[in-house]
Amino acid sequence: MSLYVKVFTSFYTCKKTIRLQAVLGDDALWIPPRLWAYAAQNQPNGDFSDYSGQEIALLLGYNKDAARMLQALQQVGFLDGMQVHDWGVYNAYHETFSERAKAAAEARWAKHNEKKQAKEDKTREDKSRKETSIASSMREACSKHKAETLEIVSDYCTEIGLPKSDGISCWEKWTGNGWRNGGNAIKDWKATIRSWKSQGYLPSQKEGSRNEDGFKLPNIGS
C-alpha cells in the first residue's frame, strides 16, 4: 500500500529550509522530504534514536558528510534530537496505520495457523480412522480365519443345528494343522463348517458317528 507525508507548499521558502540550504546547499531541498518518506515507511513514530548519522545518510542516499548533515538538520529544527520535529502533529496517522497493519497481519497469521492446525488435526484424525479401520479389518479377518476358543466353534455348530461334537472335532483338527483346509489357510471357519455341513462331511453326518457324549473322531476335510 502506498503511503504519503504532508509537505506544505511553504517548505521550499521557509526559514528552516533556507538555513539548511545555507549549510548543505541544494541537497537541503530533498533531504527532509526523503527523511519523512523513510519515516512513514519504516519509522512510523518518527523516532531515529536507534540510527547513527551515517546510517541515516546511507538510507537517504546522501553521500557527503553525514555528521554535518545530521547536525544541520538538528540545528535548523527539522530534527528534535533524533525525533522528526512535530511528526506526531502532522503525520501521527502513520503510527496508527502501522499498529493497525501489524494487528491485521497478526490476525491473518493467527487465522493461517488455525487453518494449518485444523488441517493437521484432520490429517491425524483421518490417519487414526484409517489405522482403526485397518485394525478392525484385521481383527475381523482374524476372527473369520481363526476362532479364539473351542467353545466358540462348538456353540456355532449348535446354532446351525449341529452337535457340539462337530465343533470339537473341527477345533482339534484345525488347531493341529494351523487352521488350514486342503493345504490352504482357512479364510472363514464358519463358512467352512457350513460348507462341510451342506456336503455331509461332518462327523455327526457320517455313518457310524457317535453322539456328542462319546463320539468317534473321523478324518474330516483333507
C-alpha atoms as a PDB file:
ATOM      1  CA  MET A   1       0.000   0.000   0.000  1.00  0.00           C
ATOM      2  CA  SER A   2       1.365   3.462  -0.912  1.00  0.00           C
ATOM      3  CA  LEU A   3       1.927   5.915   1.936  1.00  0.00           C
ATOM      4  CA  TYR A   4       2.198   9.677   1.891  1.00  0.00           C
ATOM      5  CA  VAL A   5       3.515  12.502   4.062  1.00  0.00           C
ATOM      6  CA  LYS A   6       2.328  16.062   4.401  1.00  0.00           C
ATOM      7  CA  VAL A   7       4.681  18.590   2.815  1.00  0.00           C
ATOM      8  CA  PHE A   8       3.472  22.172   2.955  1.00  0.00           C
ATOM      9  CA  THR A   9       3.929  24.338  -0.134  1.00  0.00           C
ATOM     10  CA  SER A  10       5.885  26.790   2.027  1.00  0.00           C
ATOM     11  CA  PHE A  11       8.564  24.150   2.665  1.00  0.00           C
ATOM     12  CA  TYR A  12      10.884  25.478  -0.050  1.00  0.00           C
ATOM     13  CA  THR A  13      10.799  29.047   1.229  1.00  0.00           C
ATOM     14  CA  CYS A  14      10.525  28.614   4.985  1.00  0.00           C
ATOM     15  CA  LYS A  15      13.344  29.746   7.289  1.00  0.00           C
ATOM     16  CA  LYS A  16      14.365  26.209   8.267  1.00  0.00           C
ATOM     17  CA  THR A  17      14.813  25.159   4.640  1.00  0.00           C
ATOM     18  CA  ILE A  18      16.742  28.315   3.777  1.00  0.00           C
ATOM     19  CA  ARG A  19      19.022  27.845   6.772  1.00  0.00           C
ATOM     20  CA  LEU A  20      19.556  24.174   5.899  1.00  0.00           C
ATOM     21  CA  GLN A  21      20.293  25.179   2.312  1.00  0.00           C
ATOM     22  CA  ALA A  22      22.920  27.623   3.576  1.00  0.00           C
ATOM     23  CA  VAL A  23      24.742  24.675   5.148  1.00  0.00           C
ATOM     24  CA  LEU A  24      24.056  21.796   2.757  1.00  0.00           C
ATOM     25  CA  GLY A  25      23.335  23.571  -0.494  1.00  0.00           C
ATOM     26  CA  ASP A  26      20.519  22.346  -2.763  1.00  0.00           C
ATOM     27  CA  ASP A  27      20.570  18.971  -1.010  1.00  0.00           C
ATOM     28  CA  ALA A  28      18.506  20.731   1.629  1.00  0.00           C
ATOM     29  CA  LEU A  29      15.567  20.727  -0.806  1.00  0.00           C
ATOM     30  CA  TRP A  30      15.249  16.946  -0.867  1.00  0.00           C
ATOM     31  CA  ILE A  31      16.805  15.643   2.368  1.00  0.00           C
ATOM     32  CA  PRO A  32      13.891  16.495   4.754  1.00  0.00           C
ATOM     33  CA  PRO A  33      11.138  15.111   2.433  1.00  0.00           C
ATOM     34  CA  ARG A  34      13.122  11.927   1.903  1.00  0.00           C
ATOM     35  CA  LEU A  35      13.658  11.626   5.652  1.00  0.00           C
ATOM     36  CA  TRP A  36       9.906  11.987   6.179  1.00  0.00           C
ATOM     37  CA  ALA A  37       9.166   9.424   3.483  1.00  0.00           C
ATOM     38  CA  TYR A  38      11.532   6.929   5.085  1.00  0.00           C
ATOM     39  CA  ALA A  39       9.973   7.565   8.491  1.00  0.00           C
ATOM     40  CA  ALA A  40       6.464   6.978   7.132  1.00  0.00           C
ATOM     41  CA  GLN A  41       7.509   3.643   5.742  1.00  0.00           C
ATOM     42  CA  ASN A  42       9.977   2.391   8.349  1.00  0.00           C
ATOM     43  CA  GLN A  43       9.831   4.570  11.474  1.00  0.00           C
ATOM     44  CA  PRO A  44       6.131   5.440  11.788  1.00  0.00           C
ATOM     45  CA  ASN A  45       6.732   7.077  15.173  1.00  0.00           C
ATOM     46  CA  GLY A  46       9.293   9.444  13.628  1.00  0.00           C
ATOM     47  CA  ASP A  47      11.983   8.384  16.097  1.00  0.00           C
ATOM     48  CA  PHE A  48      15.502   7.787  14.762  1.00  0.00           C
ATOM     49  CA  SER A  49      17.175   7.223  18.128  1.00  0.00           C
ATOM     50  CA  ASP A  50      18.391   3.786  17.018  1.00  0.00           C
ATOM     51  CA  TYR A  51      20.123   5.219  13.930  1.00  0.00           C
ATOM     52  CA  SER A  52      23.529   6.827  13.576  1.00  0.00           C
ATOM     53  CA  GLY A  53      24.103   9.831  11.365  1.00  0.00           C
ATOM     54  CA  GLN A  54      25.997   7.635   8.922  1.00  0.00           C
ATOM     55  CA  GLU A  55      23.104   5.175   8.731  1.00  0.00           C
ATOM     56  CA  ILE A  56      20.591   7.950   8.098  1.00  0.00           C
ATOM     57  CA  ALA A  57      22.774   9.374   5.326  1.00  0.00           C
ATOM     58  CA  LEU A  58      23.051   5.963   3.670  1.00  0.00           C
ATOM     59  CA  LEU A  59      19.306   5.384   3.897  1.00  0.00           C
ATOM     60  CA  LEU A  60      18.560   8.773   2.358  1.00  0.00           C
ATOM     61  CA  GLY A  61      21.187   8.396  -0.332  1.00  0.00           C
ATOM     62  CA  TYR A  62      23.303  11.310   0.925  1.00  0.00           C
ATOM     63  CA  ASN A  63      26.953  10.561   0.134  1.00  0.00           C
ATOM     64  CA  LYS A  64      28.590  13.610   1.674  1.00  0.00           C
ATOM     65  CA  ASP A  65      29.440  14.453   5.289  1.00  0.00           C
ATOM     66  CA  ALA A  66      26.863  12.502   7.333  1.00  0.00           C
ATOM     67  CA  ALA A  67      27.735  14.125  10.657  1.00  0.00           C
ATOM     68  CA  ARG A  68      27.406  17.596   9.145  1.00  0.00           C
ATOM     69  CA  MET A  69      24.038  16.689   7.626  1.00  0.00           C
ATOM     70  CA  LEU A  70      22.710  15.365  10.918  1.00  0.00           C
ATOM     71  CA  GLN A  71      23.960  18.370  12.853  1.00  0.00           C
ATOM     72  CA  ALA A  72      22.425  20.756  10.340  1.00  0.00           C
ATOM     73  CA  LEU A  73      19.018  19.018  10.495  1.00  0.00           C
ATOM     74  CA  GLN A  74      19.096  19.337  14.284  1.00  0.00           C
ATOM     75  CA  GLN A  75      20.321  22.939  14.327  1.00  0.00           C
ATOM     76  CA  VAL A  76      17.690  24.320  11.970  1.00  0.00           C
ATOM     77  CA  GLY A  77      14.890  22.321  13.650  1.00  0.00           C
ATOM     78  CA  PHE A  78      13.949  19.518  11.252  1.00  0.00           C
ATOM     79  CA  LEU A  79      15.056  17.104  13.961  1.00  0.00           C
ATOM     80  CA  ASP A  80      14.475  17.476  17.682  1.00  0.00           C
ATOM     81  CA  GLY A  81      17.427  15.429  18.787  1.00  0.00           C
ATOM     82  CA  MET A  82      16.717  12.221  16.848  1.00  0.00           C
ATOM     83  CA  GLN A  83      12.952  12.752  16.587  1.00  0.00           C
ATOM     84  CA  VAL A  84      11.376  14.309  13.498  1.00  0.00           C
ATOM     85  CA  HIS A  85      10.050  17.723  14.518  1.00  0.00           C
ATOM     86  CA  ASP A  86       6.252  17.815  15.016  1.00  0.00           C
ATOM     87  CA  TRP A  87       5.877  14.343  13.491  1.00  0.00           C
ATOM     88  CA  GLY A  88       3.027  13.486  15.833  1.00  0.00           C
ATOM     89  CA  VAL A  89       1.187  16.653  14.831  1.00  0.00           C
ATOM     90  CA  TYR A  90       1.241  16.195  11.072  1.00  0.00           C
ATOM     91  CA  ASN A  91       1.964  12.521  10.449  1.00  0.00           C
ATOM     92  CA  ALA A  92       0.845  10.620  13.557  1.00  0.00           C
ATOM     93  CA  TYR A  93      -1.553   8.564  11.438  1.00  0.00           C
ATOM     94  CA  HIS A  94       1.444   6.577  10.156  1.00  0.00           C
ATOM     95  CA  GLU A  95       1.990   5.104  13.605  1.00  0.00           C
ATOM     96  CA  THR A  96      -1.724   4.338  13.923  1.00  0.00           C
ATOM     97  CA  PHE A  97      -1.731   2.780  10.470  1.00  0.00           C
ATOM     98  CA  SER A  98       1.356   0.748  11.333  1.00  0.00           C
ATOM     99  CA  GLU A  99      -0.247  -0.588  14.503  1.00  0.00           C
ATOM    100  CA  ARG A 100      -3.435  -1.483  12.648  1.00  0.00           C
ATOM    101  CA  ALA A 101      -1.451  -3.126   9.856  1.00  0.00           C
ATOM    102  CA  LYS A 102       0.544  -5.116  12.409  1.00  0.00           C
ATOM    103  CA  ALA A 103      -2.652  -6.190  14.178  1.00  0.00           C
ATOM    104  CA  ALA A 104      -4.200  -7.199  10.856  1.00  0.00           C
ATOM    105  CA  ALA A 105      -1.083  -9.152   9.906  1.00  0.00           C
ATOM    106  CA  GLU A 106      -1.101 -10.930  13.259  1.00  0.00           C
ATOM    107  CA  ALA A 107      -4.791 -11.747  12.799  1.00  0.00           C
ATOM    108  CA  ARG A 108      -4.113 -13.149   9.326  1.00  0.00           C
ATOM    109  CA  TRP A 109      -1.198 -15.164  10.652  1.00  0.00           C
ATOM    110  CA  ALA A 110      -3.304 -16.473  13.535  1.00  0.00           C
ATOM    111  CA  LYS A 111      -6.035 -17.474  11.067  1.00  0.00           C
ATOM    112  CA  HIS A 112      -3.416 -19.129   8.874  1.00  0.00           C
ATOM    113  CA  ASN A 113      -2.111 -21.062  11.877  1.00  0.00           C
ATOM    114  CA  GLU A 114      -5.656 -22.071  12.828  1.00  0.00           C
ATOM    115  CA  LYS A 115      -6.273 -23.411   9.328  1.00  0.00           C
ATOM    116  CA  LYS A 116      -2.914 -25.154   9.371  1.00  0.00           C
ATOM    117  CA  GLN A 117      -3.653 -26.678  12.780  1.00  0.00           C
ATOM    118  CA  ALA A 118      -7.130 -27.747  11.647  1.00  0.00           C
ATOM    119  CA  LYS A 119      -5.614 -29.376   8.562  1.00  0.00           C
ATOM    120  CA  GLU A 120      -3.013 -31.176  10.669  1.00  0.00           C
ATOM    121  CA  ASP A 121      -5.704 -32.298  13.133  1.00  0.00           C
ATOM    122  CA  LYS A 122      -7.843 -33.600  10.268  1.00  0.00           C
ATOM    123  CA  THR A 123      -4.850 -35.437   8.822  1.00  0.00           C
ATOM    124  CA  ARG A 124      -4.178 -37.065  12.196  1.00  0.00           C
ATOM    125  CA  GLU A 125      -7.868 -37.937  12.591  1.00  0.00           C
ATOM    126  CA  ASP A 126      -8.007 -39.412   9.094  1.00  0.00           C
ATOM    127  CA  LYS A 127      -4.850 -41.395   9.799  1.00  0.00           C
ATOM    128  CA  SER A 128      -6.253 -42.575  13.121  1.00  0.00           C
ATOM    129  CA  ARG A 129      -9.543 -43.609  11.488  1.00  0.00           C
ATOM    130  CA  LYS A 130      -7.633 -45.417   8.763  1.00  0.00           C
ATOM    131  CA  GLU A 131      -5.468 -47.222  11.297  1.00  0.00           C
ATOM    132  CA  THR A 132      -8.559 -48.086  13.340  1.00  0.00           C
ATOM    133  CA  SER A 133     -10.292 -49.342  10.206  1.00  0.00           C
ATOM    134  CA  ILE A 134      -7.274 -51.438   9.258  1.00  0.00           C
ATOM    135  CA  ALA A 135      -7.037 -52.839  12.792  1.00  0.00           C
ATOM    136  CA  SER A 136     -10.767 -53.576  12.753  1.00  0.00           C
ATOM    137  CA  SER A 137     -10.466 -55.288   9.380  1.00  0.00           C
ATOM    138  CA  MET A 138      -7.537 -57.316  10.648  1.00  0.00           C
ATOM    139  CA  ARG A 139      -9.478 -58.342  13.747  1.00  0.00           C
ATOM    140  CA  GLU A 140     -12.457 -59.242  11.596  1.00  0.00           C
ATOM    141  CA  ALA A 141     -10.263 -61.226   9.212  1.00  0.00           C
ATOM    142  CA  CYS A 142      -8.593 -62.924  12.152  1.00  0.00           C
ATOM    143  CA  SER A 143     -11.947 -63.792  13.714  1.00  0.00           C
ATOM    144  CA  LYS A 144     -13.051 -65.330  10.422  1.00  0.00           C
ATOM    145  CA  HIS A 145      -9.795 -67.172   9.953  1.00  0.00           C
ATOM    146  CA  LYS A 146      -9.317 -68.495  13.469  1.00  0.00           C
ATOM    147  CA  ALA A 147     -11.728 -68.849  16.385  1.00  0.00           C
ATOM    148  CA  GLU A 148     -10.446 -67.862  19.817  1.00  0.00           C
ATOM    149  CA  THR A 149     -11.796 -70.835  21.805  1.00  0.00           C
ATOM    150  CA  LEU A 150     -13.212 -74.317  21.335  1.00  0.00           C
ATOM    151  CA  GLU A 151     -16.479 -73.127  22.901  1.00  0.00           C
ATOM    152  CA  ILE A 152     -16.955 -70.545  20.130  1.00  0.00           C
ATOM    153  CA  VAL A 153     -16.689 -73.255  17.465  1.00  0.00           C
ATOM    154  CA  SER A 154     -18.884 -75.765  19.287  1.00  0.00           C
ATOM    155  CA  ASP A 155     -21.503 -73.117  20.131  1.00  0.00           C
ATOM    156  CA  TYR A 156     -21.621 -72.051  16.483  1.00  0.00           C
ATOM    157  CA  CYS A 157     -22.274 -75.656  15.478  1.00  0.00           C
ATOM    158  CA  THR A 158     -25.280 -75.821  17.800  1.00  0.00           C
ATOM    159  CA  GLU A 159     -26.539 -72.528  16.318  1.00  0.00           C
ATOM    160  CA  ILE A 160     -26.737 -74.101  12.863  1.00  0.00           C
ATOM    161  CA  GLY A 161     -28.261 -77.390  14.063  1.00  0.00           C
ATOM    162  CA  LEU A 162     -25.136 -79.499  14.592  1.00  0.00           C
ATOM    163  CA  PRO A 163     -23.992 -81.228  17.780  1.00  0.00           C
ATOM    164  CA  LYS A 164     -21.151 -79.725  19.782  1.00  0.00           C
ATOM    165  CA  SER A 165     -19.088 -82.781  18.936  1.00  0.00           C
ATOM    166  CA  ASP A 166     -18.741 -81.490  15.372  1.00  0.00           C
ATOM    167  CA  GLY A 167     -17.354 -78.238  16.699  1.00  0.00           C
ATOM    168  CA  ILE A 168     -14.881 -80.075  18.949  1.00  0.00           C
ATOM    169  CA  SER A 169     -13.755 -82.200  16.036  1.00  0.00           C
ATOM    170  CA  CYS A 170     -13.229 -79.187  13.788  1.00  0.00           C
ATOM    171  CA  TRP A 171     -11.387 -77.265  16.536  1.00  0.00           C
ATOM    172  CA  GLU A 172      -8.979 -80.096  17.249  1.00  0.00           C
ATOM    173  CA  LYS A 173      -8.253 -80.710  13.578  1.00  0.00           C
ATOM    174  CA  TRP A 174      -7.694 -77.031  12.713  1.00  0.00           C
ATOM    175  CA  THR A 175      -5.675 -76.357  15.844  1.00  0.00           C
ATOM    176  CA  GLY A 176      -3.456 -79.265  14.930  1.00  0.00           C
ATOM    177  CA  ASN A 177      -2.830 -78.249  11.307  1.00  0.00           C
ATOM    178  CA  GLY A 178      -2.536 -74.491  11.783  1.00  0.00           C
ATOM    179  CA  TRP A 179      -6.086 -73.651  10.740  1.00  0.00           C
ATOM    180  CA  ARG A 180      -5.708 -74.922   7.237  1.00  0.00           C
ATOM    181  CA  ASN A 181      -8.063 -76.806   4.937  1.00  0.00           C
ATOM    182  CA  GLY A 182      -6.755 -78.723   1.976  1.00  0.00           C
ATOM    183  CA  GLY A 183      -3.333 -77.161   2.498  1.00  0.00           C
ATOM    184  CA  ASN A 184      -4.699 -73.598   2.334  1.00  0.00           C
ATOM    185  CA  ALA A 185      -5.316 -71.209   5.185  1.00  0.00           C
ATOM    186  CA  ILE A 186      -8.966 -71.092   6.237  1.00  0.00           C
ATOM    187  CA  LYS A 187     -10.387 -67.683   5.340  1.00  0.00           C
ATOM    188  CA  ASP A 188     -13.685 -68.103   7.193  1.00  0.00           C
ATOM    189  CA  TRP A 189     -14.054 -71.048   9.587  1.00  0.00           C
ATOM    190  CA  LYS A 190     -17.810 -70.521   9.909  1.00  0.00           C
ATOM    191  CA  ALA A 191     -18.227 -70.710   6.162  1.00  0.00           C
ATOM    192  CA  THR A 192     -16.086 -73.853   6.142  1.00  0.00           C
ATOM    193  CA  ILE A 193     -18.323 -75.522   8.712  1.00  0.00           C
ATOM    194  CA  ARG A 194     -21.429 -74.537   6.744  1.00  0.00           C
ATOM    195  CA  SER A 195     -19.873 -75.896   3.573  1.00  0.00           C
ATOM    196  CA  TRP A 196     -18.947 -79.189   5.232  1.00  0.00           C
ATOM    197  CA  LYS A 197     -22.458 -79.425   6.671  1.00  0.00           C
ATOM    198  CA  SER A 198     -24.055 -78.941   3.261  1.00  0.00           C
ATOM    199  CA  GLN A 199     -21.815 -81.679   1.833  1.00  0.00           C
ATOM    200  CA  GLY A 200     -22.227 -84.067   4.754  1.00  0.00           C
ATOM    201  CA  TYR A 201     -18.544 -84.060   5.748  1.00  0.00           C
ATOM    202  CA  LEU A 202     -19.024 -83.561   9.487  1.00  0.00           C
ATOM    203  CA  PRO A 203     -18.633 -86.447  11.969  1.00  0.00           C
ATOM    204  CA  SER A 204     -22.251 -86.396  13.040  1.00  0.00           C
ATOM    205  CA  GLN A 205     -23.322 -86.716   9.406  1.00  0.00           C
ATOM    206  CA  LYS A 206     -21.136 -89.715   8.608  1.00  0.00           C
ATOM    207  CA  GLU A 207     -22.185 -93.300   9.108  1.00  0.00           C
ATOM    208  CA  GLY A 208     -21.032 -94.659  12.418  1.00  0.00           C
ATOM    209  CA  SER A 209     -20.532 -91.296  14.101  1.00  0.00           C
ATOM    210  CA  ARG A 210     -21.417 -91.185  17.750  1.00  0.00           C
ATOM    211  CA  ASN A 211     -23.306 -88.610  19.777  1.00  0.00           C
ATOM    212  CA  GLU A 212     -21.501 -85.747  21.499  1.00  0.00           C
ATOM    213  CA  ASP A 213     -21.185 -87.641  24.769  1.00  0.00           C
ATOM    214  CA  GLY A 214     -18.892 -90.257  23.205  1.00  0.00           C
ATOM    215  CA  PHE A 215     -18.334 -89.683  19.515  1.00  0.00           C
ATOM    216  CA  LYS A 216     -15.601 -91.160  17.399  1.00  0.00           C
ATOM    217  CA  LEU A 217     -13.387 -88.548  15.680  1.00  0.00           C
ATOM    218  CA  PRO A 218     -13.233 -89.369  11.973  1.00  0.00           C
ATOM    219  CA  ASN A 219     -10.886 -87.700   9.473  1.00  0.00           C
ATOM    220  CA  ILE A 220     -12.754 -84.688   8.107  1.00  0.00           C
ATOM    221  CA  GLY A 221     -11.712 -82.442   5.300  1.00  0.00           C
ATOM    222  CA  SER A 222      -8.445 -83.054   3.546  1.00  0.00           C
END
